[in-house]
PDB file of N, CA and C in Angstrom:
ATOM      1  N   MET A   1       0.890  -0.923  -0.360  1.00  0.00           N
ATOM      2  CA  MET A   1       0.018  -0.199  -0.340  1.00  0.00           C
ATOM      3  C   MET A   1       0.909   1.683   0.107  1.00  0.00           C
ATOM      4  N   ALA A   2       1.196   1.679  -0.805  1.00  0.00           N
ATOM      5  CA  ALA A   2       1.255   3.337  -1.468  1.00  0.00           C
ATOM      6  C   ALA A   2       0.398   4.247  -1.264  1.00  0.00           C
ATOM      7  N   ILE A   3       0.747   4.998   0.033  1.00  0.00           N
ATOM      8  CA  ILE A   3       0.186   5.899   0.037  1.00  0.00           C
ATOM      9  C   ILE A   3       0.918   7.619  -0.240  1.00  0.00           C
ATOM     10  N   GLU A   4       0.085   8.800  -0.507  1.00  0.00           N
ATOM     11  CA  GLU A   4       1.204   9.980  -0.483  1.00  0.00           C
ATOM     12  C   GLU A   4       0.366  10.349   0.889  1.00  0.00           C
ATOM     13  N   TYR A   5       1.892  10.107   2.081  1.00  0.00           N
ATOM     14  CA  TYR A   5       1.373  11.160   2.990  1.00  0.00           C
ATOM     15  C   TYR A   5       1.940  12.996   3.270  1.00  0.00           C
ATOM     16  N   PRO A   6       0.495  13.304   4.191  1.00  0.00           N
ATOM     17  CA  PRO A   6       0.763  15.553   3.382  1.00  0.00           C
ATOM     18  C   PRO A   6       1.683  15.448   4.835  1.00  0.00           C
ATOM     19  N   ASN A   7       2.633  16.382   4.311  1.00  0.00           N
ATOM     20  CA  ASN A   7       3.548  17.016   5.727  1.00  0.00           C
ATOM     21  C   ASN A   7       2.583  18.083   6.057  1.00  0.00           C
ATOM     22  N   THR A   8       1.711  17.688   7.484  1.00  0.00           N
ATOM     23  CA  THR A   8       0.647  18.247   8.491  1.00  0.00           C
ATOM     24  C   THR A   8       1.052  19.696   8.904  1.00  0.00           C
ATOM     25  N   ASN A   9       1.077  20.612   8.763  1.00  0.00           N
ATOM     26  CA  ASN A   9       0.617  21.412   9.946  1.00  0.00           C
ATOM     27  C   ASN A   9       0.000  21.520  11.192  1.00  0.00           C
ATOM     28  N   LEU A  10      -0.112  23.058  11.672  1.00  0.00           N
ATOM     29  CA  LEU A  10      -1.395  22.839  12.900  1.00  0.00           C
ATOM     30  C   LEU A  10      -2.179  23.293  12.779  1.00  0.00           C
ATOM     31  N   TYR A  11      -3.140  22.963  13.044  1.00  0.00           N
ATOM     32  CA  TYR A  11      -4.776  23.550  12.024  1.00  0.00           C
ATOM     33  C   TYR A  11      -5.270  24.259  13.599  1.00  0.00           C
ATOM     34  N   ILE A  12      -5.333  25.850  13.577  1.00  0.00           N
ATOM     35  CA  ILE A  12      -5.503  26.543  14.709  1.00  0.00           C
ATOM     36  C   ILE A  12      -5.938  28.301  13.864  1.00  0.00           C
ATOM     37  N   ASP A  13      -7.404  27.970  14.881  1.00  0.00           N
ATOM     38  CA  ASP A  13      -7.853  29.645  14.555  1.00  0.00           C
ATOM     39  C   ASP A  13      -8.574  29.671  12.904  1.00  0.00           C
ATOM     40  N   GLY A  14      -8.802  28.269  12.543  1.00  0.00           N
ATOM     41  CA  GLY A  14      -9.245  28.410  10.783  1.00  0.00           C
ATOM     42  C   GLY A  14      -8.168  27.891   9.909  1.00  0.00           C
ATOM     43  N   LYS A  15      -7.035  27.830  10.643  1.00  0.00           N
ATOM     44  CA  LYS A  15      -6.474  28.431   9.334  1.00  0.00           C
ATOM     45  C   LYS A  15      -5.509  27.011   9.525  1.00  0.00           C
ATOM     46  N   TRP A  16      -4.365  26.364   8.529  1.00  0.00           N
ATOM     47  CA  TRP A  16      -2.965  25.223   8.059  1.00  0.00           C
ATOM     48  C   TRP A  16      -1.923  26.301   8.805  1.00  0.00           C
ATOM     49  N   ARG A  17      -1.301  26.017   9.566  1.00  0.00           N
ATOM     50  CA  ARG A  17      -0.339  26.895   9.852  1.00  0.00           C
ATOM     51  C   ARG A  17       1.588  25.650  10.526  1.00  0.00           C
ATOM     52  N   PRO A  18       2.679  26.570  10.413  1.00  0.00           N
ATOM     53  CA  PRO A  18       3.270  25.776  11.233  1.00  0.00           C
ATOM     54  C   PRO A  18       3.875  25.829  12.568  1.00  0.00           C
ATOM     55  N   ALA A  19       4.106  24.683  13.437  1.00  0.00           N
ATOM     56  CA  ALA A  19       4.760  25.508  14.993  1.00  0.00           C
ATOM     57  C   ALA A  19       5.554  26.540  14.676  1.00  0.00           C
ATOM     58  N   VAL A  20       4.806  27.268  15.988  1.00  0.00           N
ATOM     59  CA  VAL A  20       6.067  28.708  16.319  1.00  0.00           C
ATOM     60  C   VAL A  20       7.208  28.394  16.044  1.00  0.00           C
ATOM     61  N   THR A  21       8.305  27.458  15.656  1.00  0.00           N
ATOM     62  CA  THR A  21       9.534  27.396  16.010  1.00  0.00           C
ATOM     63  C   THR A  21       9.901  26.834  14.601  1.00  0.00           C
ATOM     64  N   GLY A  22       8.745  25.982  14.091  1.00  0.00           N
ATOM     65  CA  GLY A  22       9.283  25.382  12.684  1.00  0.00           C
ATOM     66  C   GLY A  22       9.389  24.450  12.612  1.00  0.00           C
ATOM     67  N   ASP A  23       9.720  23.264  14.057  1.00  0.00           N
ATOM     68  CA  ASP A  23      10.345  22.087  14.052  1.00  0.00           C
ATOM     69  C   ASP A  23       9.086  21.745  13.567  1.00  0.00           C
ATOM     70  N   THR A  24       9.860  20.157  13.204  1.00  0.00           N
ATOM     71  CA  THR A  24       8.916  19.157  12.605  1.00  0.00           C
ATOM     72  C   THR A  24       9.552  18.314  12.986  1.00  0.00           C
ATOM     73  N   LEU A  25       8.187  16.691  13.405  1.00  0.00           N
ATOM     74  CA  LEU A  25       8.779  15.265  13.428  1.00  0.00           C
ATOM     75  C   LEU A  25       8.575  14.530  12.775  1.00  0.00           C
ATOM     76  N   ASP A  26       9.593  13.967  12.092  1.00  0.00           N
ATOM     77  CA  ASP A  26       8.940  12.873  11.122  1.00  0.00           C
ATOM     78  C   ASP A  26       8.369  11.569  11.731  1.00  0.00           C
ATOM     79  N   VAL A  27       7.558  11.320  10.488  1.00  0.00           N
ATOM     80  CA  VAL A  27       6.759   9.842  10.797  1.00  0.00           C
ATOM     81  C   VAL A  27       6.770   8.815   9.896  1.00  0.00           C
ATOM     82  N   ILE A  28       7.256   7.657  10.899  1.00  0.00           N
ATOM     83  CA  ILE A  28       8.253   6.430  10.526  1.00  0.00           C
ATOM     84  C   ILE A  28       6.597   5.032   9.999  1.00  0.00           C
ATOM     85  N   ASN A  29       6.978   4.870   9.155  1.00  0.00           N
ATOM     86  CA  ASN A  29       6.575   3.512   8.881  1.00  0.00           C
ATOM     87  C   ASN A  29       7.067   2.173  10.080  1.00  0.00           C
ATOM     88  N   PRO A  30       6.344   1.858  10.592  1.00  0.00           N
ATOM     89  CA  PRO A  30       6.971   0.935  11.477  1.00  0.00           C
ATOM     90  C   PRO A  30       7.276  -0.547  10.867  1.00  0.00           C
ATOM     91  N   ALA A  31       6.386  -1.094   9.632  1.00  0.00           N
ATOM     92  CA  ALA A  31       6.918  -1.964   9.112  1.00  0.00           C
ATOM     93  C   ALA A  31       8.539  -1.669   8.360  1.00  0.00           C
ATOM     94  N   THR A  32       9.041  -0.322   7.604  1.00  0.00           N
ATOM     95  CA  THR A  32      10.217  -0.576   6.482  1.00  0.00           C
ATOM     96  C   THR A  32      10.971   0.499   7.392  1.00  0.00           C
ATOM     97  N   GLU A  33      10.745   1.269   8.504  1.00  0.00           N
ATOM     98  CA  GLU A  33      10.836   2.176   9.545  1.00  0.00           C
ATOM     99  C   GLU A  33      11.700   3.472   8.339  1.00  0.00           C
ATOM    100  N   GLU A  34      10.923   3.424   7.112  1.00  0.00           N
ATOM    101  CA  GLU A  34      11.333   4.900   6.502  1.00  0.00           C
ATOM    102  C   GLU A  34       9.866   5.643   6.948  1.00  0.00           C
ATOM    103  N   VAL A  35      11.102   7.175   6.815  1.00  0.00           N
ATOM    104  CA  VAL A  35      10.656   7.758   6.912  1.00  0.00           C
ATOM    105  C   VAL A  35       9.186   8.180   6.109  1.00  0.00           C
ATOM    106  N   ILE A  36       8.408   8.607   6.101  1.00  0.00           N
ATOM    107  CA  ILE A  36       6.962   9.063   5.159  1.00  0.00           C
ATOM    108  C   ILE A  36       6.407  10.035   5.054  1.00  0.00           C
ATOM    109  N   GLY A  37       6.955  11.227   5.693  1.00  0.00           N
ATOM    110  CA  GLY A  37       6.297  12.348   6.219  1.00  0.00           C
ATOM    111  C   GLY A  37       6.971  13.480   7.164  1.00  0.00           C
ATOM    112  N   GLN A  38       6.231  13.919   7.318  1.00  0.00           N
ATOM    113  CA  GLN A  38       6.483  15.139   9.178  1.00  0.00           C
ATOM    114  C   GLN A  38       4.919  15.691   9.546  1.00  0.00           C
ATOM    115  N   VAL A  39       4.985  16.119  10.676  1.00  0.00           N
ATOM    116  CA  VAL A  39       3.997  16.278  10.826  1.00  0.00           C
ATOM    117  C   VAL A  39       4.978  17.366  11.927  1.00  0.00           C
ATOM    118  N   ALA A  40       3.892  18.907  12.346  1.00  0.00           N
ATOM    119  CA  ALA A  40       4.693  20.080  12.924  1.00  0.00           C
ATOM    120  C   ALA A  40       4.945  19.738  14.157  1.00  0.00           C
ATOM    121  N   ARG A  41       5.495  20.210  15.312  1.00  0.00           N
ATOM    122  CA  ARG A  41       5.876  19.909  16.585  1.00  0.00           C
ATOM    123  C   ARG A  41       5.501  20.853  17.335  1.00  0.00           C
ATOM    124  N   ALA A  42       3.970  20.804  18.081  1.00  0.00           N
ATOM    125  CA  ALA A  42       3.629  21.819  18.582  1.00  0.00           C
ATOM    126  C   ALA A  42       4.359  22.071  19.895  1.00  0.00           C
ATOM    127  N   GLN A  43       4.436  23.494  20.036  1.00  0.00           N
ATOM    128  CA  GLN A  43       5.503  24.001  21.228  1.00  0.00           C
ATOM    129  C   GLN A  43       4.137  24.813  22.123  1.00  0.00           C
ATOM    130  N   HIS A  44       4.367  24.696  22.867  1.00  0.00           N
ATOM    131  CA  HIS A  44       3.480  25.302  23.941  1.00  0.00           C
ATOM    132  C   HIS A  44       3.123  26.662  23.497  1.00  0.00           C
ATOM    133  N   ALA A  45       3.706  27.410  22.916  1.00  0.00           N
ATOM    134  CA  ALA A  45       2.916  29.151  22.591  1.00  0.00           C
ATOM    135  C   ALA A  45       1.635  28.722  21.545  1.00  0.00           C
ATOM    136  N   ASP A  46       2.005  27.493  20.753  1.00  0.00           N
ATOM    137  CA  ASP A  46       1.347  27.017  19.629  1.00  0.00           C
ATOM    138  C   ASP A  46      -0.420  26.409  20.770  1.00  0.00           C
ATOM    139  N   LEU A  47       0.103  25.964  21.506  1.00  0.00           N
ATOM    140  CA  LEU A  47      -0.621  25.230  22.531  1.00  0.00           C
ATOM    141  C   LEU A  47      -2.067  25.874  23.050  1.00  0.00           C
ATOM    142  N   ASP A  48      -1.118  27.542  23.304  1.00  0.00           N
ATOM    143  CA  ASP A  48      -1.919  28.650  24.279  1.00  0.00           C
ATOM    144  C   ASP A  48      -2.555  29.588  22.955  1.00  0.00           C
ATOM    145  N   GLU A  49      -1.812  29.192  22.090  1.00  0.00           N
ATOM    146  CA  GLU A  49      -3.015  29.599  20.558  1.00  0.00           C
ATOM    147  C   GLU A  49      -4.173  29.452  20.537  1.00  0.00           C
ATOM    148  N   ALA A  50      -4.120  27.475  20.528  1.00  0.00           N
ATOM    149  CA  ALA A  50      -4.732  26.629  20.152  1.00  0.00           C
ATOM    150  C   ALA A  50      -5.734  27.153  20.938  1.00  0.00           C
ATOM    151  N   LEU A  51      -5.930  26.731  22.495  1.00  0.00           N
ATOM    152  CA  LEU A  51      -6.777  27.178  23.107  1.00  0.00           C
ATOM    153  C   LEU A  51      -7.467  28.446  23.683  1.00  0.00           C
ATOM    154  N   GLU A  52      -7.245  29.640  22.869  1.00  0.00           N
ATOM    155  CA  GLU A  52      -7.873  30.714  22.987  1.00  0.00           C
ATOM    156  C   GLU A  52      -8.619  30.971  21.950  1.00  0.00           C
ATOM    157  N   ALA A  53      -8.507  30.133  20.588  1.00  0.00           N
ATOM    158  CA  ALA A  53      -8.802  29.597  19.765  1.00  0.00           C
ATOM    159  C   ALA A  53     -10.078  29.052  20.136  1.00  0.00           C
ATOM    160  N   ALA A  54      -9.542  28.035  20.855  1.00  0.00           N
ATOM    161  CA  ALA A  54     -11.646  27.418  20.797  1.00  0.00           C
ATOM    162  C   ALA A  54     -11.947  27.442  21.752  1.00  0.00           C
ATOM    163  N   ASP A  55     -11.420  28.752  22.612  1.00  0.00           N
ATOM    164  CA  ASP A  55     -12.707  29.762  23.218  1.00  0.00           C
ATOM    165  C   ASP A  55     -12.967  30.498  22.995  1.00  0.00           C
ATOM    166  N   LYS A  56     -12.391  31.138  21.795  1.00  0.00           N
ATOM    167  CA  LYS A  56     -12.989  31.753  20.386  1.00  0.00           C
ATOM    168  C   LYS A  56     -14.325  31.440  20.217  1.00  0.00           C
ATOM    169  N   ALA A  57     -13.948  30.145  19.446  1.00  0.00           N
ATOM    170  CA  ALA A  57     -15.109  29.325  18.807  1.00  0.00           C
ATOM    171  C   ALA A  57     -16.088  29.187  20.101  1.00  0.00           C
ATOM    172  N   PHE A  58     -15.806  28.487  20.605  1.00  0.00           N
ATOM    173  CA  PHE A  58     -17.269  28.109  21.872  1.00  0.00           C
ATOM    174  C   PHE A  58     -17.943  29.097  22.175  1.00  0.00           C
ATOM    175  N   ALA A  59     -17.274  30.414  21.930  1.00  0.00           N
ATOM    176  CA  ALA A  59     -19.101  31.165  22.256  1.00  0.00           C
ATOM    177  C   ALA A  59     -20.018  31.600  21.245  1.00  0.00           C
ATOM    178  N   SER A  60     -19.032  31.524  19.764  1.00  0.00           N
ATOM    179  CA  SER A  60     -20.084  31.100  19.172  1.00  0.00           C
ATOM    180  C   SER A  60     -20.818  29.987  19.006  1.00  0.00           C
ATOM    181  N   TRP A  61     -20.238  28.799  19.233  1.00  0.00           N
ATOM    182  CA  TRP A  61     -21.183  27.554  18.700  1.00  0.00           C
ATOM    183  C   TRP A  61     -22.044  27.075  20.208  1.00  0.00           C
ATOM    184  N   LYS A  62     -21.945  27.934  21.521  1.00  0.00           N
ATOM    185  CA  LYS A  62     -23.051  27.551  22.266  1.00  0.00           C
ATOM    186  C   LYS A  62     -24.366  28.798  21.729  1.00  0.00           C
ATOM    187  N   LYS A  63     -23.905  29.684  21.234  1.00  0.00           N
ATOM    188  CA  LYS A  63     -24.877  30.488  20.038  1.00  0.00           C
ATOM    189  C   LYS A  63     -25.810  29.590  18.906  1.00  0.00           C
ATOM    190  N   THR A  64     -25.254  28.500  18.889  1.00  0.00           N
ATOM    191  CA  THR A  64     -26.053  27.847  18.062  1.00  0.00           C
ATOM    192  C   THR A  64     -27.240  26.670  18.502  1.00  0.00           C
ATOM    193  N   THR A  65     -27.632  26.744  17.420  1.00  0.00           N
ATOM    194  CA  THR A  65     -29.293  26.398  17.769  1.00  0.00           C
ATOM    195  C   THR A  65     -28.574  24.514  17.984  1.00  0.00           C
ATOM    196  N   PRO A  66     -29.374  23.767  18.693  1.00  0.00           N
ATOM    197  CA  PRO A  66     -29.304  22.433  18.471  1.00  0.00           C
ATOM    198  C   PRO A  66     -29.255  21.938  17.205  1.00  0.00           C
ATOM    199  N   LEU A  67     -30.339  22.092  16.397  1.00  0.00           N
ATOM    200  CA  LEU A  67     -30.725  21.130  15.090  1.00  0.00           C
ATOM    201  C   LEU A  67     -30.034  21.844  14.626  1.00  0.00           C
ATOM    202  N   ASP A  68     -28.923  23.198  14.022  1.00  0.00           N
ATOM    203  CA  ASP A  68     -27.835  23.488  13.207  1.00  0.00           C
ATOM    204  C   ASP A  68     -26.669  22.642  14.121  1.00  0.00           C
ATOM    205  N   ARG A  69     -26.537  21.963  15.361  1.00  0.00           N
ATOM    206  CA  ARG A  69     -25.208  21.548  15.903  1.00  0.00           C
ATOM    207  C   ARG A  69     -25.458  19.983  15.463  1.00  0.00           C
ATOM    208  N   TYR A  70     -26.499  19.486  15.454  1.00  0.00           N
ATOM    209  CA  TYR A  70     -27.002  18.502  14.897  1.00  0.00           C
ATOM    210  C   TYR A  70     -26.994  18.054  13.106  1.00  0.00           C
ATOM    211  N   ARG A  71     -27.470  19.081  12.495  1.00  0.00           N
ATOM    212  CA  ARG A  71     -26.346  19.237  10.991  1.00  0.00           C
ATOM    213  C   ARG A  71     -25.231  19.146  10.824  1.00  0.00           C
ATOM    214  N   ILE A  72     -24.156  20.201  11.521  1.00  0.00           N
ATOM    215  CA  ILE A  72     -23.231  19.993  11.505  1.00  0.00           C
ATOM    216  C   ILE A  72     -22.104  18.640  12.147  1.00  0.00           C
ATOM    217  N   LEU A  73     -22.979  18.248  13.377  1.00  0.00           N
ATOM    218  CA  LEU A  73     -22.092  16.954  13.450  1.00  0.00           C
ATOM    219  C   LEU A  73     -22.219  15.784  12.816  1.00  0.00           C
ATOM    220  N   ARG A  74     -23.793  15.907  11.961  1.00  0.00           N
ATOM    221  CA  ARG A  74     -24.426  14.449  11.050  1.00  0.00           C
ATOM    222  C   ARG A  74     -23.228  15.105   9.906  1.00  0.00           C
ATOM    223  N   LYS A  75     -22.608  16.470   9.896  1.00  0.00           N
ATOM    224  CA  LYS A  75     -22.214  16.116   7.976  1.00  0.00           C
ATOM    225  C   LYS A  75     -20.540  16.146   8.379  1.00  0.00           C
ATOM    226  N   ALA A  76     -20.521  15.881   9.605  1.00  0.00           N
ATOM    227  CA  ALA A  76     -19.193  15.647  10.158  1.00  0.00           C
ATOM    228  C   ALA A  76     -18.712  13.961  10.051  1.00  0.00           C
ATOM    229  N   ALA A  77     -19.876  13.183  10.107  1.00  0.00           N
ATOM    230  CA  ALA A  77     -19.729  11.576  10.520  1.00  0.00           C
ATOM    231  C   ALA A  77     -19.935  11.509   9.298  1.00  0.00           C
ATOM    232  N   ASP A  78     -20.651  12.326   8.251  1.00  0.00           N
ATOM    233  CA  ASP A  78     -21.104  11.729   6.823  1.00  0.00           C
ATOM    234  C   ASP A  78     -19.725  11.892   6.225  1.00  0.00           C
ATOM    235  N   LEU A  79     -18.750  12.868   6.269  1.00  0.00           N
ATOM    236  CA  LEU A  79     -17.653  13.149   6.054  1.00  0.00           C
ATOM    237  C   LEU A  79     -16.524  12.362   6.390  1.00  0.00           C
ATOM    238  N   LEU A  80     -16.251  11.779   7.823  1.00  0.00           N
ATOM    239  CA  LEU A  80     -15.330  11.233   8.581  1.00  0.00           C
ATOM    240  C   LEU A  80     -15.956   9.240   7.252  1.00  0.00           C
ATOM    241  N   ARG A  81     -17.176   8.872   7.123  1.00  0.00           N
ATOM    242  CA  ARG A  81     -17.691   8.180   6.670  1.00  0.00           C
ATOM    243  C   ARG A  81     -17.089   7.662   5.106  1.00  0.00           C
ATOM    244  N   GLU A  82     -17.117   8.791   4.370  1.00  0.00           N
ATOM    245  CA  GLU A  82     -16.718   9.143   3.248  1.00  0.00           C
ATOM    246  C   GLU A  82     -14.976   8.669   2.800  1.00  0.00           C
ATOM    247  N   ARG A  83     -14.495   9.137   3.819  1.00  0.00           N
ATOM    248  CA  ARG A  83     -13.092   9.024   4.001  1.00  0.00           C
ATOM    249  C   ARG A  83     -12.540   8.367   4.505  1.00  0.00           C
ATOM    250  N   ALA A  84     -13.448   7.243   4.714  1.00  0.00           N
ATOM    251  CA  ALA A  84     -12.865   6.223   6.011  1.00  0.00           C
ATOM    252  C   ALA A  84     -11.760   5.261   5.958  1.00  0.00           C
ATOM    253  N   SER A  85     -11.625   5.032   4.039  1.00  0.00           N
ATOM    254  CA  SER A  85     -11.034   3.722   3.253  1.00  0.00           C
ATOM    255  C   SER A  85      -9.893   4.857   3.448  1.00  0.00           C
ATOM    256  N   MET A  86      -9.610   6.082   2.940  1.00  0.00           N
ATOM    257  CA  MET A  86      -7.710   6.744   3.079  1.00  0.00           C
ATOM    258  C   MET A  86      -6.940   6.935   4.004  1.00  0.00           C
ATOM    259  N   ILE A  87      -8.491   7.168   5.160  1.00  0.00           N
ATOM    260  CA  ILE A  87      -8.412   7.602   6.591  1.00  0.00           C
ATOM    261  C   ILE A  87      -7.584   6.005   7.053  1.00  0.00           C
ATOM    262  N   ALA A  88      -8.372   5.002   7.090  1.00  0.00           N
ATOM    263  CA  ALA A  88      -7.286   3.461   7.370  1.00  0.00           C
ATOM    264  C   ALA A  88      -6.019   3.577   6.956  1.00  0.00           C
ATOM    265  N   GLU A  89      -5.850   3.556   5.514  1.00  0.00           N
ATOM    266  CA  GLU A  89      -4.316   3.559   4.525  1.00  0.00           C
ATOM    267  C   GLU A  89      -3.738   3.995   5.675  1.00  0.00           C
ATOM    268  N   VAL A  90      -3.573   5.540   5.966  1.00  0.00           N
ATOM    269  CA  VAL A  90      -2.778   6.396   6.391  1.00  0.00           C
ATOM    270  C   VAL A  90      -2.804   6.047   7.598  1.00  0.00           C
ATOM    271  N   MET A  91      -3.574   5.279   8.751  1.00  0.00           N
ATOM    272  CA  MET A  91      -3.651   4.894   9.985  1.00  0.00           C
ATOM    273  C   MET A  91      -2.465   3.612   9.777  1.00  0.00           C
ATOM    274  N   THR A  92      -2.817   2.704   8.847  1.00  0.00           N
ATOM    275  CA  THR A  92      -2.281   1.425   8.953  1.00  0.00           C
ATOM    276  C   THR A  92      -0.650   1.662   8.674  1.00  0.00           C
ATOM    277  N   THR A  93      -0.232   2.654   7.658  1.00  0.00           N
ATOM    278  CA  THR A  93       1.109   3.363   7.382  1.00  0.00           C
ATOM    279  C   THR A  93       1.535   3.480   8.530  1.00  0.00           C
ATOM    280  N   GLU A  94       1.500   4.619   9.153  1.00  0.00           N
ATOM    281  CA  GLU A  94       1.563   5.551  10.248  1.00  0.00           C
ATOM    282  C   GLU A  94       1.935   4.421  11.647  1.00  0.00           C
ATOM    283  N   GLN A  95       1.051   3.451  11.666  1.00  0.00           N
ATOM    284  CA  GLN A  95       0.699   2.815  12.830  1.00  0.00           C
ATOM    285  C   GLN A  95       1.118   1.599  12.836  1.00  0.00           C
ATOM    286  N   GLY A  96       0.847   0.770  11.881  1.00  0.00           N
ATOM    287  CA  GLY A  96       1.338  -0.780  11.555  1.00  0.00           C
ATOM    288  C   GLY A  96       0.217  -1.916  11.479  1.00  0.00           C
ATOM    289  N   LYS A  97      -0.985  -1.159  12.189  1.00  0.00           N
ATOM    290  CA  LYS A  97      -2.144  -2.085  12.278  1.00  0.00           C
ATOM    291  C   LYS A  97      -2.916  -2.825  11.522  1.00  0.00           C
ATOM    292  N   PRO A  98      -3.929  -3.777  11.090  1.00  0.00           N
ATOM    293  CA  PRO A  98      -4.370  -4.176  10.232  1.00  0.00           C
ATOM    294  C   PRO A  98      -5.779  -2.859   9.733  1.00  0.00           C
ATOM    295  N   LEU A  99      -5.384  -3.229   8.034  1.00  0.00           N
ATOM    296  CA  LEU A  99      -6.060  -2.119   7.414  1.00  0.00           C
ATOM    297  C   LEU A  99      -7.420  -2.468   7.897  1.00  0.00           C
ATOM    298  N   ALA A 100      -8.272  -3.370   8.111  1.00  0.00           N
ATOM    299  CA  ALA A 100      -9.956  -3.632   8.424  1.00  0.00           C
ATOM    300  C   ALA A 100     -10.201  -3.198  10.022  1.00  0.00           C
ATOM    301  N   GLU A 101      -8.723  -3.065  10.853  1.00  0.00           N
ATOM    302  CA  GLU A 101      -9.149  -2.682  12.124  1.00  0.00           C
ATOM    303  C   GLU A 101      -9.117  -1.041  12.001  1.00  0.00           C
ATOM    304  N   ALA A 102      -8.303   0.044  11.495  1.00  0.00           N
ATOM    305  CA  ALA A 102      -8.352   0.740  11.205  1.00  0.00           C
ATOM    306  C   ALA A 102      -9.102   1.359  10.888  1.00  0.00           C
ATOM    307  N   LYS A 103      -9.900   0.923   9.714  1.00  0.00           N
ATOM    308  CA  LYS A 103     -11.201   1.192   8.944  1.00  0.00           C
ATOM    309  C   LYS A 103     -12.346   0.849  10.206  1.00  0.00           C
ATOM    310  N   GLY A 104     -12.377   0.087  11.049  1.00  0.00           N
ATOM    311  CA  GLY A 104     -13.467  -0.121  11.866  1.00  0.00           C
ATOM    312  C   GLY A 104     -13.643   0.981  13.253  1.00  0.00           C
ATOM    313  N   GLU A 105     -12.133   1.900  13.570  1.00  0.00           N
ATOM    314  CA  GLU A 105     -11.797   2.675  13.946  1.00  0.00           C
ATOM    315  C   GLU A 105     -12.551   3.832  13.712  1.00  0.00           C
ATOM    316  N   THR A 106     -12.364   4.124  12.339  1.00  0.00           N
ATOM    317  CA  THR A 106     -12.708   5.727  11.580  1.00  0.00           C
ATOM    318  C   THR A 106     -14.071   5.009  11.575  1.00  0.00           C
ATOM    319  N   LEU A 107     -15.108   4.219  11.310  1.00  0.00           N
ATOM    320  CA  LEU A 107     -16.293   4.368  11.413  1.00  0.00           C
ATOM    321  C   LEU A 107     -16.846   4.599  13.114  1.00  0.00           C
ATOM    322  N   MET A 108     -16.393   2.931  13.658  1.00  0.00           N
ATOM    323  CA  MET A 108     -16.565   3.202  15.317  1.00  0.00           C
ATOM    324  C   MET A 108     -16.502   5.243  15.498  1.00  0.00           C
ATOM    325  N   GLY A 109     -15.690   5.883  14.488  1.00  0.00           N
ATOM    326  CA  GLY A 109     -15.609   6.810  14.881  1.00  0.00           C
ATOM    327  C   GLY A 109     -16.844   8.008  14.965  1.00  0.00           C
ATOM    328  N   ALA A 110     -17.171   7.726  13.621  1.00  0.00           N
ATOM    329  CA  ALA A 110     -18.391   8.353  12.796  1.00  0.00           C
ATOM    330  C   ALA A 110     -19.730   7.843  13.613  1.00  0.00           C
ATOM    331  N   ASP A 111     -19.836   6.633  13.463  1.00  0.00           N
ATOM    332  CA  ASP A 111     -21.125   6.650  15.040  1.00  0.00           C
ATOM    333  C   ASP A 111     -21.332   6.829  15.867  1.00  0.00           C
ATOM    334  N   ARG A 112     -19.910   6.986  16.323  1.00  0.00           N
ATOM    335  CA  ARG A 112     -19.681   8.082  18.253  1.00  0.00           C
ATOM    336  C   ARG A 112     -19.790  10.194  17.534  1.00  0.00           C
ATOM    337  N   ILE A 113     -19.928  10.157  16.121  1.00  0.00           N
ATOM    338  CA  ILE A 113     -19.847  11.478  16.229  1.00  0.00           C
ATOM    339  C   ILE A 113     -21.756  11.756  15.846  1.00  0.00           C
ATOM    340  N   ASP A 114     -22.529  10.346  15.445  1.00  0.00           N
ATOM    341  CA  ASP A 114     -24.255  10.819  14.921  1.00  0.00           C
ATOM    342  C   ASP A 114     -24.621  10.289  15.983  1.00  0.00           C
ATOM    343  N   TRP A 115     -24.119   9.964  17.170  1.00  0.00           N
ATOM    344  CA  TRP A 115     -24.438   9.410  18.480  1.00  0.00           C
ATOM    345  C   TRP A 115     -24.725  11.087  19.330  1.00  0.00           C
ATOM    346  N   MET A 116     -23.500  11.313  19.126  1.00  0.00           N
ATOM    347  CA  MET A 116     -23.602  12.597  19.586  1.00  0.00           C
ATOM    348  C   MET A 116     -24.628  14.455  19.676  1.00  0.00           C
ATOM    349  N   ALA A 117     -24.781  13.894  17.820  1.00  0.00           N
ATOM    350  CA  ALA A 117     -25.792  14.309  17.114  1.00  0.00           C
ATOM    351  C   ALA A 117     -27.151  14.374  17.197  1.00  0.00           C
ATOM    352  N   GLU A 118     -27.720  13.414  17.588  1.00  0.00           N
ATOM    353  CA  GLU A 118     -28.889  12.609  18.298  1.00  0.00           C
ATOM    354  C   GLU A 118     -28.919  13.231  20.011  1.00  0.00           C
ATOM    355  N   GLU A 119     -28.162  13.382  20.668  1.00  0.00           N
ATOM    356  CA  GLU A 119     -28.218  13.500  22.376  1.00  0.00           C
ATOM    357  C   GLU A 119     -28.234  14.606  21.576  1.00  0.00           C
ATOM    358  N   GLY A 120     -27.843  15.855  20.959  1.00  0.00           N
ATOM    359  CA  GLY A 120     -28.108  16.792  20.669  1.00  0.00           C
ATOM    360  C   GLY A 120     -29.923  17.625  21.014  1.00  0.00           C
ATOM    361  N   ARG A 121     -30.164  16.102  19.720  1.00  0.00           N
ATOM    362  CA  ARG A 121     -31.973  16.400  19.383  1.00  0.00           C
ATOM    363  C   ARG A 121     -32.607  16.315  20.315  1.00  0.00           C
ATOM    364  N   ARG A 122     -32.264  15.653  21.798  1.00  0.00           N
ATOM    365  CA  ARG A 122     -33.090  15.099  22.757  1.00  0.00           C
ATOM    366  C   ARG A 122     -33.629  16.015  23.901  1.00  0.00           C
TER     367      ARG A 122
END
């Protein structure tokens, strides 16, 4: 299974960006010990910025109606299911877990999001 591993930055306040220091960590395929990509190495300043962004986002989220929250969460679950095979391939490559287990884990995550969406409607 050959996948193109994305070089991943941090997603903070609606934008992708590198860590404040520019530091990265290698992602290694445990089966081949090959470096397959890099991810941003977050620092305390990045975490502080992420927490501030989350606090700001919560202010608008708490004003979102339960029905709109339900719709947003259901869309997230649908997207997770649509991309389950690709996500499973990445998980298998970076973790070494069986493909079927990785896909099941992804689909279970989508099911949990659906459950939480339904909780919001109750």
